[in-house]
Amino acid sequence: MKVIKTEKEYLSALEQLDDLFDSHENTSEGEQAELLMILIEDYEAHNHPIDPPDPIEAIKFRMEQSGMKNKDLAKVIGYKSRVSEVLTKKRKLTLNMIRNLHEKMNIPYESLMTEY
């Protein structure tokens, strides 16, 4: 096995991993699958990076996961009218809102601080 440098090698590694995916952890096939995953993740990080989500989409996603309504979000970022303004992108997030969203809803700072 070697470092993945091309898209062709990447696709081949994905196929190999698919064949080995159900291998048991403490077998040579399992160790080979683990090594392939590391190589694939490294290639993807350098060649197919995933940008953080739009801050508003991150908030909406977390609200959906938690079953939150707009009135629940008002307790995190302030007034109910601010919630509507923020979710429709008419008002930018303030530093205090970002801190509260991170602390109370566990949304990563990187997601909250990107341009939108």
Protein backbone atom coordinates (compact mmCIF):
# COMPACT_ATOMS: atom_id res chain seq x y z
CA MET A 1 0.00 0.00 0.00
CA LYS A 2 1.19 3.53 -0.75
CA VAL A 3 0.12 7.15 -0.45
CA ILE A 4 -2.77 8.01 -2.78
CA LYS A 5 -1.68 10.69 -5.26
CA THR A 6 -4.15 10.54 -8.15
CA GLU A 7 -7.89 10.34 -8.60
CA LYS A 8 -7.45 6.94 -10.27
CA GLU A 9 -5.57 5.61 -7.21
CA TYR A 10 -8.25 7.14 -4.97
CA LEU A 11 -11.07 5.38 -6.83
CA SER A 12 -9.14 2.12 -6.73
CA ALA A 13 -8.60 2.50 -2.97
CA LEU A 14 -12.35 3.06 -2.49
CA GLU A 15 -13.08 -0.17 -4.36
CA GLN A 16 -10.53 -2.07 -2.26
CA LEU A 17 -12.03 -0.65 0.92
CA ASP A 18 -15.50 -1.69 -0.20
CA ASP A 19 -14.24 -5.27 -0.56
CA LEU A 20 -12.59 -5.20 2.89
CA PHE A 21 -15.18 -3.15 4.74
CA ASP A 22 -16.76 -6.00 6.73
CA SER A 23 -13.42 -7.50 7.77
CA HIS A 24 -12.84 -8.13 11.46
CA GLU A 25 -10.64 -5.63 13.26
CA ASN A 26 -7.83 -7.94 14.40
CA THR A 27 -7.21 -9.64 11.08
CA SER A 28 -4.80 -8.76 8.28
CA GLU A 29 -7.81 -7.71 6.16
CA GLY A 30 -9.09 -5.53 8.99
CA GLU A 31 -5.73 -3.85 9.37
CA GLN A 32 -5.53 -3.34 5.61
CA ALA A 33 -9.00 -1.73 5.67
CA GLU A 34 -7.93 0.57 8.51
CA LEU A 35 -4.81 1.65 6.61
CA LEU A 36 -6.87 2.24 3.46
CA MET A 37 -9.29 4.45 5.43
CA ILE A 38 -6.39 6.56 6.70
CA LEU A 39 -4.96 6.96 3.20
CA ILE A 40 -8.39 7.78 1.73
CA GLU A 41 -9.14 10.34 4.45
CA ASP A 42 -5.78 12.02 3.86
CA TYR A 43 -6.36 12.20 0.10
CA GLU A 44 -9.89 13.58 0.59
CA ALA A 45 -8.70 16.20 3.07
CA HIS A 46 -6.18 17.52 0.55
CA ASN A 47 -8.15 17.09 -2.68
CA HIS A 48 -11.84 17.20 -1.75
CA PRO A 49 -12.07 19.46 1.32
CA ILE A 50 -15.51 20.13 2.72
CA ASP A 51 -16.14 23.74 3.66
CA PRO A 52 -18.00 24.48 6.87
CA PRO A 53 -21.73 24.96 6.31
CA ASP A 54 -23.34 28.36 6.03
CA PRO A 55 -23.89 29.59 9.63
CA ILE A 56 -27.64 29.90 9.19
CA GLU A 57 -27.90 26.44 7.67
CA ALA A 58 -25.87 25.09 10.61
CA ILE A 59 -28.30 26.72 13.05
CA LYS A 60 -31.34 25.38 11.18
CA PHE A 61 -29.79 21.91 11.04
CA ARG A 62 -29.12 21.88 14.79
CA MET A 63 -32.62 23.19 15.47
CA GLU A 64 -34.08 20.37 13.38
CA GLN A 65 -31.90 17.78 15.14
CA SER A 66 -33.01 19.07 18.54
CA GLY A 67 -36.65 19.60 17.67
CA MET A 68 -36.31 23.30 18.43
CA LYS A 69 -38.76 25.96 17.31
CA ASN A 70 -38.01 29.64 16.68
CA LYS A 71 -39.25 30.52 20.17
CA ASP A 72 -36.65 28.09 21.61
CA LEU A 73 -33.91 29.76 19.58
CA ALA A 74 -35.01 33.14 20.97
CA LYS A 75 -33.82 31.94 24.38
CA VAL A 76 -30.36 31.39 22.87
CA ILE A 77 -29.87 34.48 20.71
CA GLY A 78 -32.30 37.03 22.10
CA TYR A 79 -35.62 38.43 21.06
CA LYS A 80 -38.09 36.48 18.92
CA SER A 81 -37.93 39.17 16.21
CA ARG A 82 -34.14 38.72 16.04
CA VAL A 83 -34.61 35.02 15.38
CA SER A 84 -36.66 35.74 12.29
CA GLU A 85 -34.18 38.39 11.10
CA VAL A 86 -31.20 36.06 11.61
CA LEU A 87 -32.83 33.02 9.98
CA THR A 88 -33.80 35.09 6.92
CA LYS A 89 -30.28 36.60 6.81
CA LYS A 90 -31.56 40.14 7.35
CA ARG A 91 -29.42 40.44 10.49
CA LYS A 92 -25.86 39.20 10.94
CA LEU A 93 -24.89 37.14 13.95
CA THR A 94 -23.25 39.14 16.72
CA LEU A 95 -20.28 37.91 18.71
CA ASN A 96 -22.56 37.33 21.70
CA MET A 97 -25.00 35.32 19.56
CA ILE A 98 -22.12 33.22 18.21
CA ARG A 99 -20.87 32.49 21.72
CA ASN A 100 -24.36 31.49 22.89
CA LEU A 101 -24.98 29.30 19.86
CA HIS A 102 -21.68 27.54 20.43
CA GLU A 103 -22.15 27.08 24.16
CA LYS A 104 -25.85 26.27 24.28
CA MET A 105 -26.34 24.44 20.98
CA ASN A 106 -22.82 23.05 20.52
CA ILE A 107 -22.41 24.49 17.01
CA PRO A 108 -18.71 24.75 16.10
CA TYR A 109 -17.25 28.24 15.96
CA GLU A 110 -15.88 27.52 12.47
CA SER A 111 -19.42 27.03 11.20
CA LEU A 112 -20.77 30.15 12.87
CA MET A 113 -17.99 32.49 11.79
CA THR A 114 -17.96 31.88 8.03
CA GLU A 115 -19.24 34.49 5.59
CA TYR A 116 -22.81 34.23 4.39
